[in-house]
Amino acid sequence: MIAEYSVAAAVAVVLVIGLESLILRTGLFGQARYWMTVVIALGFQVPVDGWLTRAGAPIVSYRSQAISGVRFPWHIPVEDFAFGFALVTLTLLLCRWLALRSTEPEGSP
């Protein structure tokens, strides 16, 4: 059986990276402040997600067939990190792209 949450998480990451690489081309991945933002987001995601998915008394549970089964740390499905990366990155990419567009002179290609 296909672990649909795992597949969706992988597709989300590939789509966001592809969007930046092929269409938006904002240069975000080359900026240290972007990677610091990812680290900060993880700093909040780990304790919150760890609490929500904790072993023994989870608030959020996943069908075992829907995920890969890899959980790290504190029982967090690795797919949650992929979705978190895609969500934060897509938001930053779109904000950066819109900011860059607004500073271009009219008539620019």
PDB file of N, CA and C in Angstrom:
ATOM      1  N   MET A   1       0.840  -1.190   0.000  1.00  0.00           N
ATOM      2  CA  MET A   1       0.000   0.000   0.000  1.00  0.00           C
ATOM      3  C   MET A   1       0.885   1.254   0.000  1.00  0.00           C
ATOM      4  N   ILE A   2       0.460   2.262  -0.706  1.00  0.00           N
ATOM      5  CA  ILE A   2       1.208   3.514  -0.803  1.00  0.00           C
ATOM      6  C   ILE A   2       0.923   4.374   0.426  1.00  0.00           C
ATOM      7  N   ALA A   3       1.974   4.862   1.035  1.00  0.00           N
ATOM      8  CA  ALA A   3       1.847   5.762   2.177  1.00  0.00           C
ATOM      9  C   ALA A   3       1.555   7.159   1.640  1.00  0.00           C
ATOM     10  N   GLU A   4       0.263   7.489   1.503  1.00  0.00           N
ATOM     11  CA  GLU A   4      -0.124   8.725   0.812  1.00  0.00           C
ATOM     12  C   GLU A   4       0.389   9.999   1.484  1.00  0.00           C
ATOM     13  N   TYR A   5       0.497  10.015   2.792  1.00  0.00           N
ATOM     14  CA  TYR A   5       1.025  11.214   3.464  1.00  0.00           C
ATOM     15  C   TYR A   5       2.506  11.373   3.136  1.00  0.00           C
ATOM     16  N   SER A   6       3.224  10.268   3.071  1.00  0.00           N
ATOM     17  CA  SER A   6       4.647  10.308   2.700  1.00  0.00           C
ATOM     18  C   SER A   6       4.820  10.809   1.272  1.00  0.00           C
ATOM     19  N   VAL A   7       4.005  10.307   0.371  1.00  0.00           N
ATOM     20  CA  VAL A   7       4.077  10.725  -1.031  1.00  0.00           C
ATOM     21  C   VAL A   7       3.726  12.204  -1.160  1.00  0.00           C
ATOM     22  N   ALA A   8       2.674  12.636  -0.490  1.00  0.00           N
ATOM     23  CA  ALA A   8       2.262  14.039  -0.562  1.00  0.00           C
ATOM     24  C   ALA A   8       3.351  14.961  -0.001  1.00  0.00           C
ATOM     25  N   ALA A   9       3.998  14.547   1.069  1.00  0.00           N
ATOM     26  CA  ALA A   9       5.069  15.357   1.657  1.00  0.00           C
ATOM     27  C   ALA A   9       6.241  15.477   0.689  1.00  0.00           C
ATOM     28  N   ALA A  10       6.620  14.373   0.073  1.00  0.00           N
ATOM     29  CA  ALA A  10       7.733  14.397  -0.890  1.00  0.00           C
ATOM     30  C   ALA A  10       7.379  15.242  -2.108  1.00  0.00           C
ATOM     31  N   VAL A  11       6.160  15.112  -2.598  1.00  0.00           N
ATOM     32  CA  VAL A  11       5.723  15.895  -3.757  1.00  0.00           C
ATOM     33  C   VAL A  11       5.717  17.385  -3.416  1.00  0.00           C
ATOM     34  N   ALA A  12       5.271  17.742  -2.220  1.00  0.00           N
ATOM     35  CA  ALA A  12       5.241  19.147  -1.813  1.00  0.00           C
ATOM     36  C   ALA A  12       6.637  19.748  -1.837  1.00  0.00           C
ATOM     37  N   VAL A  13       7.608  19.020  -1.319  1.00  0.00           N
ATOM     38  CA  VAL A  13       8.991  19.512  -1.314  1.00  0.00           C
ATOM     39  C   VAL A  13       9.520  19.664  -2.739  1.00  0.00           C
ATOM     40  N   VAL A  14       9.293  18.655  -3.569  1.00  0.00           N
ATOM     41  CA  VAL A  14       9.777  18.703  -4.955  1.00  0.00           C
ATOM     42  C   VAL A  14       9.121  19.854  -5.715  1.00  0.00           C
ATOM     43  N   LEU A  15       7.825  20.057  -5.529  1.00  0.00           N
ATOM     44  CA  LEU A  15       7.126  21.145  -6.220  1.00  0.00           C
ATOM     45  C   LEU A  15       7.647  22.512  -5.803  1.00  0.00           C
ATOM     46  N   VAL A  16       7.882  22.701  -4.519  1.00  0.00           N
ATOM     47  CA  VAL A  16       8.363  24.006  -4.043  1.00  0.00           C
ATOM     48  C   VAL A  16       9.779  24.271  -4.550  1.00  0.00           C
ATOM     49  N   ILE A  17      10.633  23.267  -4.482  1.00  0.00           N
ATOM     50  CA  ILE A  17      12.000  23.443  -4.997  1.00  0.00           C
ATOM     51  C   ILE A  17      11.971  23.667  -6.512  1.00  0.00           C
ATOM     52  N   GLY A  18      11.120  22.929  -7.212  1.00  0.00           N
ATOM     53  CA  GLY A  18      10.978  23.112  -8.654  1.00  0.00           C
ATOM     54  C   GLY A  18      10.442  24.490  -9.003  1.00  0.00           C
ATOM     55  N   LEU A  19       9.487  24.969  -8.233  1.00  0.00           N
ATOM     56  CA  LEU A  19       8.923  26.300  -8.464  1.00  0.00           C
ATOM     57  C   LEU A  19      10.010  27.364  -8.369  1.00  0.00           C
ATOM     58  N   GLU A  20      10.850  27.261  -7.357  1.00  0.00           N
ATOM     59  CA  GLU A  20      11.941  28.228  -7.208  1.00  0.00           C
ATOM     60  C   GLU A  20      12.977  28.064  -8.315  1.00  0.00           C
ATOM     61  N   SER A  21      13.347  26.838  -8.594  1.00  0.00           N
ATOM     62  CA  SER A  21      14.415  26.576  -9.565  1.00  0.00           C
ATOM     63  C   SER A  21      14.024  26.908 -10.998  1.00  0.00           C
ATOM     64  N   LEU A  22      12.776  26.668 -11.361  1.00  0.00           N
ATOM     65  CA  LEU A  22      12.368  26.792 -12.754  1.00  0.00           C
ATOM     66  C   LEU A  22      11.547  28.035 -13.085  1.00  0.00           C
ATOM     67  N   ILE A  23      10.846  28.578 -12.096  1.00  0.00           N
ATOM     68  CA  ILE A  23       9.920  29.670 -12.410  1.00  0.00           C
ATOM     69  C   ILE A  23      10.244  30.957 -11.658  1.00  0.00           C
ATOM     70  N   LEU A  24      10.234  30.916 -10.344  1.00  0.00           N
ATOM     71  CA  LEU A  24      10.374  32.149  -9.568  1.00  0.00           C
ATOM     72  C   LEU A  24      11.795  32.703  -9.579  1.00  0.00           C
ATOM     73  N   ARG A  25      12.761  31.860  -9.363  1.00  0.00           N
ATOM     74  CA  ARG A  25      14.188  32.232  -9.379  1.00  0.00           C
ATOM     75  C   ARG A  25      14.485  33.470  -8.536  1.00  0.00           C
ATOM     76  N   THR A  26      14.103  33.401  -7.273  1.00  0.00           N
ATOM     77  CA  THR A  26      14.320  34.528  -6.370  1.00  0.00           C
ATOM     78  C   THR A  26      15.707  34.530  -5.744  1.00  0.00           C
ATOM     79  N   GLY A  27      16.400  33.404  -5.788  1.00  0.00           N
ATOM     80  CA  GLY A  27      17.709  33.294  -5.143  1.00  0.00           C
ATOM     81  C   GLY A  27      17.612  33.051  -3.649  1.00  0.00           C
ATOM     82  N   LEU A  28      16.429  32.731  -3.169  1.00  0.00           N
ATOM     83  CA  LEU A  28      16.201  32.566  -1.733  1.00  0.00           C
ATOM     84  C   LEU A  28      17.081  31.474  -1.123  1.00  0.00           C
ATOM     85  N   PHE A  29      17.271  30.375  -1.834  1.00  0.00           N
ATOM     86  CA  PHE A  29      18.044  29.257  -1.279  1.00  0.00           C
ATOM     87  C   PHE A  29      19.507  29.619  -1.053  1.00  0.00           C
ATOM     88  N   GLY A  30      19.986  30.633  -1.677  1.00  0.00           N
ATOM     89  CA  GLY A  30      21.367  31.065  -1.515  1.00  0.00           C
ATOM     90  C   GLY A  30      21.568  32.095  -0.415  1.00  0.00           C
ATOM     91  N   GLN A  31      20.505  32.423   0.304  1.00  0.00           N
ATOM     92  CA  GLN A  31      20.583  33.448   1.335  1.00  0.00           C
ATOM     93  C   GLN A  31      20.658  32.826   2.726  1.00  0.00           C
ATOM     94  N   ALA A  32      21.627  33.254   3.505  1.00  0.00           N
ATOM     95  CA  ALA A  32      21.805  32.725   4.862  1.00  0.00           C
ATOM     96  C   ALA A  32      20.575  33.006   5.729  1.00  0.00           C
ATOM     97  N   ARG A  33      19.942  34.145   5.517  1.00  0.00           N
ATOM     98  CA  ARG A  33      18.777  34.474   6.357  1.00  0.00           C
ATOM     99  C   ARG A  33      17.608  33.519   6.110  1.00  0.00           C
ATOM    100  N   TYR A  34      17.514  32.977   4.898  1.00  0.00           N
ATOM    101  CA  TYR A  34      16.488  31.964   4.632  1.00  0.00           C
ATOM    102  C   TYR A  34      16.751  30.722   5.479  1.00  0.00           C
ATOM    103  N   TRP A  35      17.994  30.258   5.477  1.00  0.00           N
ATOM    104  CA  TRP A  35      18.327  29.042   6.230  1.00  0.00           C
ATOM    105  C   TRP A  35      18.194  29.266   7.728  1.00  0.00           C
ATOM    106  N   MET A  36      18.465  30.480   8.197  1.00  0.00           N
ATOM    107  CA  MET A  36      18.228  30.796   9.618  1.00  0.00           C
ATOM    108  C   MET A  36      16.729  30.748   9.921  1.00  0.00           C
ATOM    109  N   THR A  37      15.921  31.204   8.991  1.00  0.00           N
ATOM    110  CA  THR A  37      14.469  31.138   9.164  1.00  0.00           C
ATOM    111  C   THR A  37      14.008  29.687   9.262  1.00  0.00           C
ATOM    112  N   VAL A  38      14.569  28.816   8.441  1.00  0.00           N
ATOM    113  CA  VAL A  38      14.230  27.398   8.494  1.00  0.00           C
ATOM    114  C   VAL A  38      14.613  26.823   9.855  1.00  0.00           C
ATOM    115  N   VAL A  39      15.784  27.175  10.352  1.00  0.00           N
ATOM    116  CA  VAL A  39      16.227  26.690  11.667  1.00  0.00           C
ATOM    117  C   VAL A  39      15.297  27.195  12.767  1.00  0.00           C
ATOM    118  N   ILE A  40      14.908  28.459  12.706  1.00  0.00           N
ATOM    119  CA  ILE A  40      13.991  29.020  13.701  1.00  0.00           C
ATOM    120  C   ILE A  40      12.639  28.317  13.636  1.00  0.00           C
ATOM    121  N   ALA A  41      12.135  28.094  12.428  1.00  0.00           N
ATOM    122  CA  ALA A  41      10.852  27.390  12.275  1.00  0.00           C
ATOM    123  C   ALA A  41      10.939  25.991  12.881  1.00  0.00           C
ATOM    124  N   LEU A  42      12.044  25.297  12.625  1.00  0.00           N
ATOM    125  CA  LEU A  42      12.229  23.968  13.218  1.00  0.00           C
ATOM    126  C   LEU A  42      12.297  24.046  14.740  1.00  0.00           C
ATOM    127  N   GLY A  43      12.902  25.111  15.243  1.00  0.00           N
ATOM    128  CA  GLY A  43      12.992  25.298  16.689  1.00  0.00           C
ATOM    129  C   GLY A  43      11.632  25.372  17.359  1.00  0.00           C
ATOM    130  N   PHE A  44      10.650  25.856  16.643  1.00  0.00           N
ATOM    131  CA  PHE A  44       9.285  25.886  17.171  1.00  0.00           C
ATOM    132  C   PHE A  44       8.516  24.613  16.805  1.00  0.00           C
ATOM    133  N   GLN A  45       8.783  24.080  15.618  1.00  0.00           N
ATOM    134  CA  GLN A  45       8.052  22.910  15.154  1.00  0.00           C
ATOM    135  C   GLN A  45       8.334  21.678  16.012  1.00  0.00           C
ATOM    136  N   VAL A  46       9.580  21.476  16.375  1.00  0.00           N
ATOM    137  CA  VAL A  46       9.943  20.257  17.114  1.00  0.00           C
ATOM    138  C   VAL A  46       9.201  20.145  18.448  1.00  0.00           C
ATOM    139  N   PRO A  47       9.232  21.145  19.329  1.00  0.00           N
ATOM    140  CA  PRO A  47       8.508  20.955  20.587  1.00  0.00           C
ATOM    141  C   PRO A  47       6.988  20.877  20.417  1.00  0.00           C
ATOM    142  N   VAL A  48       6.444  21.690  19.511  1.00  0.00           N
ATOM    143  CA  VAL A  48       4.991  21.674  19.327  1.00  0.00           C
ATOM    144  C   VAL A  48       4.538  20.358  18.694  1.00  0.00           C
ATOM    145  N   ASP A  49       5.201  19.980  17.605  1.00  0.00           N
ATOM    146  CA  ASP A  49       4.847  18.734  16.933  1.00  0.00           C
ATOM    147  C   ASP A  49       5.134  17.534  17.830  1.00  0.00           C
ATOM    148  N   GLY A  50       6.223  17.606  18.585  1.00  0.00           N
ATOM    149  CA  GLY A  50       6.536  16.532  19.526  1.00  0.00           C
ATOM    150  C   GLY A  50       5.451  16.355  20.565  1.00  0.00           C
ATOM    151  N   TRP A  51       4.890  17.458  21.037  1.00  0.00           N
ATOM    152  CA  TRP A  51       3.811  17.394  22.015  1.00  0.00           C
ATOM    153  C   TRP A  51       2.523  16.858  21.371  1.00  0.00           C
ATOM    154  N   LEU A  52       2.246  17.296  20.141  1.00  0.00           N
ATOM    155  CA  LEU A  52       1.018  16.865  19.468  1.00  0.00           C
ATOM    156  C   LEU A  52       1.033  15.387  19.082  1.00  0.00           C
ATOM    157  N   THR A  53       2.214  14.848  18.787  1.00  0.00           N
ATOM    158  CA  THR A  53       2.300  13.459  18.314  1.00  0.00           C
ATOM    159  C   THR A  53       2.967  12.538  19.333  1.00  0.00           C
ATOM    160  N   ARG A  54       3.103  12.976  20.565  1.00  0.00           N
ATOM    161  CA  ARG A  54       3.840  12.211  21.573  1.00  0.00           C
ATOM    162  C   ARG A  54       3.307  10.786  21.715  1.00  0.00           C
ATOM    163  N   ALA A  55       4.224   9.899  21.996  1.00  0.00           N
ATOM    164  CA  ALA A  55       3.857   8.494  22.195  1.00  0.00           C
ATOM    165  C   ALA A  55       3.042   8.359  23.474  1.00  0.00           C
ATOM    166  N   GLY A  56       2.075   7.495  23.448  1.00  0.00           N
ATOM    167  CA  GLY A  56       1.275   7.228  24.632  1.00  0.00           C
ATOM    168  C   GLY A  56       0.005   8.053  24.731  1.00  0.00           C
ATOM    169  N   ALA A  57       0.074   9.332  24.405  1.00  0.00           N
ATOM    170  CA  ALA A  57      -1.108  10.195  24.517  1.00  0.00           C
ATOM    171  C   ALA A  57      -1.095  11.237  23.400  1.00  0.00           C
ATOM    172  N   PRO A  58      -1.106  10.795  22.154  1.00  0.00           N
ATOM    173  CA  PRO A  58      -1.053  11.776  21.063  1.00  0.00           C
ATOM    174  C   PRO A  58      -2.354  12.562  20.924  1.00  0.00           C
ATOM    175  N   ILE A  59      -2.220  13.811  20.565  1.00  0.00           N
ATOM    176  CA  ILE A  59      -3.381  14.629  20.234  1.00  0.00           C
ATOM    177  C   ILE A  59      -3.700  14.428  18.760  1.00  0.00           C
ATOM    178  N   VAL A  60      -2.651  14.276  17.960  1.00  0.00           N
ATOM    179  CA  VAL A  60      -2.782  13.998  16.530  1.00  0.00           C
ATOM    180  C   VAL A  60      -2.196  12.617  16.281  1.00  0.00           C
ATOM    181  N   SER A  61      -2.966  11.779  15.616  1.00  0.00           N
ATOM    182  CA  SER A  61      -2.444  10.447  15.287  1.00  0.00           C
ATOM    183  C   SER A  61      -2.560  10.235  13.781  1.00  0.00           C
ATOM    184  N   TYR A  62      -1.732   9.326  13.291  1.00  0.00           N
ATOM    185  CA  TYR A  62      -1.664   9.039  11.868  1.00  0.00           C
ATOM    186  C   TYR A  62      -1.943   7.561  11.651  1.00  0.00           C
ATOM    187  N   ARG A  63      -2.637   7.243  10.575  1.00  0.00           N
ATOM    188  CA  ARG A  63      -2.779   5.839  10.211  1.00  0.00           C
ATOM    189  C   ARG A  63      -1.406   5.315   9.843  1.00  0.00           C
ATOM    190  N   SER A  64      -1.037   4.180  10.369  1.00  0.00           N
ATOM    191  CA  SER A  64       0.297   3.643  10.109  1.00  0.00           C
ATOM    192  C   SER A  64       0.521   3.379   8.624  1.00  0.00           C
ATOM    193  N   GLN A  65      -0.533   3.111   7.858  1.00  0.00           N
ATOM    194  CA  GLN A  65      -0.404   2.871   6.423  1.00  0.00           C
ATOM    195  C   GLN A  65      -0.166   4.161   5.642  1.00  0.00           C
ATOM    196  N   ALA A  66      -0.441   5.313   6.237  1.00  0.00           N
ATOM    197  CA  ALA A  66      -0.339   6.592   5.529  1.00  0.00           C
ATOM    198  C   ALA A  66       1.043   7.228   5.638  1.00  0.00           C
ATOM    199  N   ILE A  67       1.863   6.767   6.582  1.00  0.00           N
ATOM    200  CA  ILE A  67       3.178   7.371   6.784  1.00  0.00           C
ATOM    201  C   ILE A  67       4.270   6.324   6.643  1.00  0.00           C
ATOM    202  N   SER A  68       5.501   6.817   6.559  1.00  0.00           N
ATOM    203  CA  SER A  68       6.641   5.909   6.391  1.00  0.00           C
ATOM    204  C   SER A  68       6.932   5.112   7.651  1.00  0.00           C
ATOM    205  N   GLY A  69       6.540   5.632   8.782  1.00  0.00           N
ATOM    206  CA  GLY A  69       6.834   4.969  10.048  1.00  0.00           C
ATOM    207  C   GLY A  69       8.090   5.511  10.708  1.00  0.00           C
ATOM    208  N   VAL A  70       8.847   6.332   9.989  1.00  0.00           N
ATOM    209  CA  VAL A  70      10.051   6.931  10.561  1.00  0.00           C
ATOM    210  C   VAL A  70       9.622   8.122  11.408  1.00  0.00           C
ATOM    211  N   ARG A  71       9.992   8.080  12.676  1.00  0.00           N
ATOM    212  CA  ARG A  71       9.613   9.157  13.599  1.00  0.00           C
ATOM    213  C   ARG A  71      10.851   9.619  14.346  1.00  0.00           C
ATOM    214  N   PHE A  72      11.097  10.922  14.296  1.00  0.00           N
ATOM    215  CA  PHE A  72      12.265  11.478  14.964  1.00  0.00           C
ATOM    216  C   PHE A  72      12.092  12.965  15.104  1.00  0.00           C
ATOM    217  N   PRO A  73      12.505  13.603  16.099  1.00  0.00           N
ATOM    218  CA  PRO A  73      12.630  13.109  17.470  1.00  0.00           C
ATOM    219  C   PRO A  73      11.266  13.115  18.136  1.00  0.00           C
ATOM    220  N   TRP A  74      11.156  12.599  19.305  1.00  0.00           N
ATOM    221  CA  TRP A  74       9.931  12.608  20.103  1.00  0.00           C
ATOM    222  C   TRP A  74       8.707  12.130  19.345  1.00  0.00           C
ATOM    223  N   HIS A  75       8.887  11.106  18.553  1.00  0.00           N
ATOM    224  CA  HIS A  75       7.753  10.455  17.895  1.00  0.00           C
ATOM    225  C   HIS A  75       7.133  11.291  16.778  1.00  0.00           C
ATOM    226  N   ILE A  76       7.862  12.259  16.238  1.00  0.00           N
ATOM    227  CA  ILE A  76       7.354  13.123  15.164  1.00  0.00           C
ATOM    228  C   ILE A  76       7.559  12.422  13.826  1.00  0.00           C
ATOM    229  N   PRO A  77       6.492  12.234  13.030  1.00  0.00           N
ATOM    230  CA  PRO A  77       6.667  11.656  11.691  1.00  0.00           C
ATOM    231  C   PRO A  77       7.542  12.566  10.831  1.00  0.00           C
ATOM    232  N   VAL A  78       8.508  12.006  10.134  1.00  0.00           N
ATOM    233  CA  VAL A  78       9.415  12.823   9.318  1.00  0.00           C
ATOM    234  C   VAL A  78       8.656  13.589   8.232  1.00  0.00           C
ATOM    235  N   GLU A  79       7.516  13.091   7.838  1.00  0.00           N
ATOM    236  CA  GLU A  79       6.707  13.776   6.824  1.00  0.00           C
ATOM    237  C   GLU A  79       6.283  15.167   7.294  1.00  0.00           C
ATOM    238  N   ASP A  80       6.108  15.339   8.601  1.00  0.00           N
ATOM    239  CA  ASP A  80       5.730  16.655   9.122  1.00  0.00           C
ATOM    240  C   ASP A  80       6.810  17.693   8.845  1.00  0.00           C
ATOM    241  N   PHE A  81       8.069  17.267   8.893  1.00  0.00           N
ATOM    242  CA  PHE A  81       9.169  18.194   8.600  1.00  0.00           C
ATOM    243  C   PHE A  81       9.170  18.587   7.124  1.00  0.00           C
ATOM    244  N   ALA A  82       8.860  17.639   6.261  1.00  0.00           N
ATOM    245  CA  ALA A  82       8.801  17.933   4.830  1.00  0.00           C
ATOM    246  C   ALA A  82       7.693  18.947   4.537  1.00  0.00           C
ATOM    247  N   PHE A  83       6.514  18.726   5.117  1.00  0.00           N
ATOM    248  CA  PHE A  83       5.419  19.672   4.913  1.00  0.00           C
ATOM    249  C   PHE A  83       5.747  21.035   5.522  1.00  0.00           C
ATOM    250  N   GLY A  84       6.379  21.049   6.688  1.00  0.00           N
ATOM    251  CA  GLY A  84       6.777  22.305   7.309  1.00  0.00           C
ATOM    252  C   GLY A  84       7.747  23.079   6.433  1.00  0.00           C
ATOM    253  N   PHE A  85       8.734  22.375   5.884  1.00  0.00           N
ATOM    254  CA  PHE A  85       9.697  22.993   4.978  1.00  0.00           C
ATOM    255  C   PHE A  85       8.978  23.577   3.759  1.00  0.00           C
ATOM    256  N   ALA A  86       8.086  22.788   3.160  1.00  0.00           N
ATOM    257  CA  ALA A  86       7.375  23.241   1.962  1.00  0.00           C
ATOM    258  C   ALA A  86       6.499  24.453   2.275  1.00  0.00           C
ATOM    259  N   LEU A  87       5.824  24.439   3.393  1.00  0.00           N
ATOM    260  CA  LEU A  87       4.937  25.544   3.762  1.00  0.00           C
ATOM    261  C   LEU A  87       5.710  26.832   4.007  1.00  0.00           C
ATOM    262  N   VAL A  88       6.741  26.765   4.829  1.00  0.00           N
ATOM    263  CA  VAL A  88       7.530  27.954   5.135  1.00  0.00           C
ATOM    264  C   VAL A  88       8.225  28.469   3.874  1.00  0.00           C
ATOM    265  N   THR A  89       8.809  27.567   3.114  1.00  0.00           N
ATOM    266  CA  THR A  89       9.549  27.955   1.925  1.00  0.00           C
ATOM    267  C   THR A  89       8.636  28.566   0.867  1.00  0.00           C
ATOM    268  N   LEU A  90       7.487  27.964   0.624  1.00  0.00           N
ATOM    269  CA  LEU A  90       6.558  28.514  -0.358  1.00  0.00           C
ATOM    270  C   LEU A  90       6.109  29.922   0.035  1.00  0.00           C
ATOM    271  N   THR A  91       5.812  30.119   1.291  1.00  0.00           N
ATOM    272  CA  THR A  91       5.391  31.437   1.766  1.00  0.00           C
ATOM    273  C   THR A  91       6.489  32.470   1.544  1.00  0.00           C
ATOM    274  N   LEU A  92       7.716  32.119   1.921  1.00  0.00           N
ATOM    275  CA  LEU A  92       8.830  33.046   1.741  1.00  0.00           C
ATOM    276  C   LEU A  92       9.137  33.299   0.266  1.00  0.00           C
ATOM    277  N   LEU A  93       9.054  32.253  -0.545  1.00  0.00           N
ATOM    278  CA  LEU A  93       9.297  32.413  -1.981  1.00  0.00           C
ATOM    279  C   LEU A  93       8.303  33.378  -2.610  1.00  0.00           C
ATOM    280  N   LEU A  94       7.033  33.200  -2.293  1.00  0.00           N
ATOM    281  CA  LEU A  94       6.012  34.067  -2.880  1.00  0.00           C
ATOM    282  C   LEU A  94       6.159  35.510  -2.398  1.00  0.00           C
ATOM    283  N   CYS A  95       6.464  35.695  -1.124  1.00  0.00           N
ATOM    284  CA  CYS A  95       6.682  37.057  -0.609  1.00  0.00           C
ATOM    285  C   CYS A  95       7.877  37.699  -1.285  1.00  0.00           C
ATOM    286  N   ARG A  96       8.959  36.952  -1.421  1.00  0.00           N
ATOM    287  CA  ARG A  96      10.174  37.470  -2.065  1.00  0.00           C
ATOM    288  C   ARG A  96       9.921  37.784  -3.539  1.00  0.00           C
ATOM    289  N   TRP A  97       9.225  36.882  -4.223  1.00  0.00           N
ATOM    290  CA  TRP A  97       8.924  37.076  -5.641  1.00  0.00           C
ATOM    291  C   TRP A  97       8.064  38.316  -5.854  1.00  0.00           C
ATOM    292  N   LEU A  98       7.051  38.484  -5.011  1.00  0.00           N
ATOM    293  CA  LEU A  98       6.190  39.673  -5.122  1.00  0.00           C
ATOM    294  C   LEU A  98       6.977  40.941  -4.827  1.00  0.00           C
ATOM    295  N   ALA A  99       7.860  40.895  -3.847  1.00  0.00           N
ATOM    296  CA  ALA A  99       8.683  42.072  -3.524  1.00  0.00           C
ATOM    297  C   ALA A  99       9.607  42.415  -4.687  1.00  0.00           C
ATOM    298  N   LEU A 100      10.201  41.414  -5.290  1.00  0.00           N
ATOM    299  CA  LEU A 100      11.081  41.662  -6.427  1.00  0.00           C
ATOM    300  C   LEU A 100      10.304  42.215  -7.619  1.00  0.00           C
ATOM    301  N   ARG A 101       9.115  41.716  -7.835  1.00  0.00           N
ATOM    302  CA  ARG A 101       8.289  42.203  -8.952  1.00  0.00           C
ATOM    303  C   ARG A 101       7.900  43.658  -8.756  1.00  0.00           C
ATOM    304  N   SER A 102       7.632  44.035  -7.509  1.00  0.00           N
ATOM    305  CA  SER A 102       7.169  45.413  -7.251  1.00  0.00           C
ATOM    306  C   SER A 102       8.285  46.432  -7.421  1.00  0.00           C
ATOM    307  N   THR A 103       9.544  45.980  -7.406  1.00  0.00           N
ATOM    308  CA  THR A 103      10.667  46.913  -7.555  1.00  0.00           C
ATOM    309  C   THR A 103      11.169  46.994  -8.995  1.00  0.00           C
ATOM    310  N   GLU A 104      10.644  46.156  -9.890  1.00  0.00           N
ATOM    311  CA  GLU A 104      11.057  46.198 -11.297  1.00  0.00           C
ATOM    312  C   GLU A 104      10.439  47.411 -11.991  1.00  0.00           C
ATOM    313  N   PRO A 105      11.183  48.074 -12.841  1.00  0.00           N
ATOM    314  CA  PRO A 105      10.602  49.183 -13.599  1.00  0.00           C
ATOM    315  C   PRO A 105       9.529  48.684 -14.554  1.00  0.00           C
ATOM    316  N   GLU A 106       8.553  49.517 -14.840  1.00  0.00           N
ATOM    317  CA  GLU A 106       7.488  49.113 -15.768  1.00  0.00           C
ATOM    318  C   GLU A 106       8.054  48.829 -17.119  1.00  0.00           C
ATOM    319  N   GLY A 107       7.482  47.832 -17.778  1.00  0.00           N
ATOM    320  CA  GLY A 107       7.924  47.447 -19.098  1.00  0.00           C
ATOM    321  C   GLY A 107       9.054  46.447 -19.085  1.00  0.00           C
ATOM    322  N   SER A 108       9.540  46.053 -17.897  1.00  0.00           N
ATOM    323  CA  SER A 108      10.599  45.043 -17.827  1.00  0.00           C
ATOM    324  C   SER A 108      10.022  43.682 -18.122  1.00  0.00           C
ATOM    325  N   PRO A 109      10.786  42.821 -18.777  1.00  0.00           N
ATOM    326  CA  PRO A 109      10.279  41.476 -19.084  1.00  0.00           C
ATOM    327  C   PRO A 109      10.172  40.626 -17.856  1.00  0.00           C
TER     328      PRO A 109
END
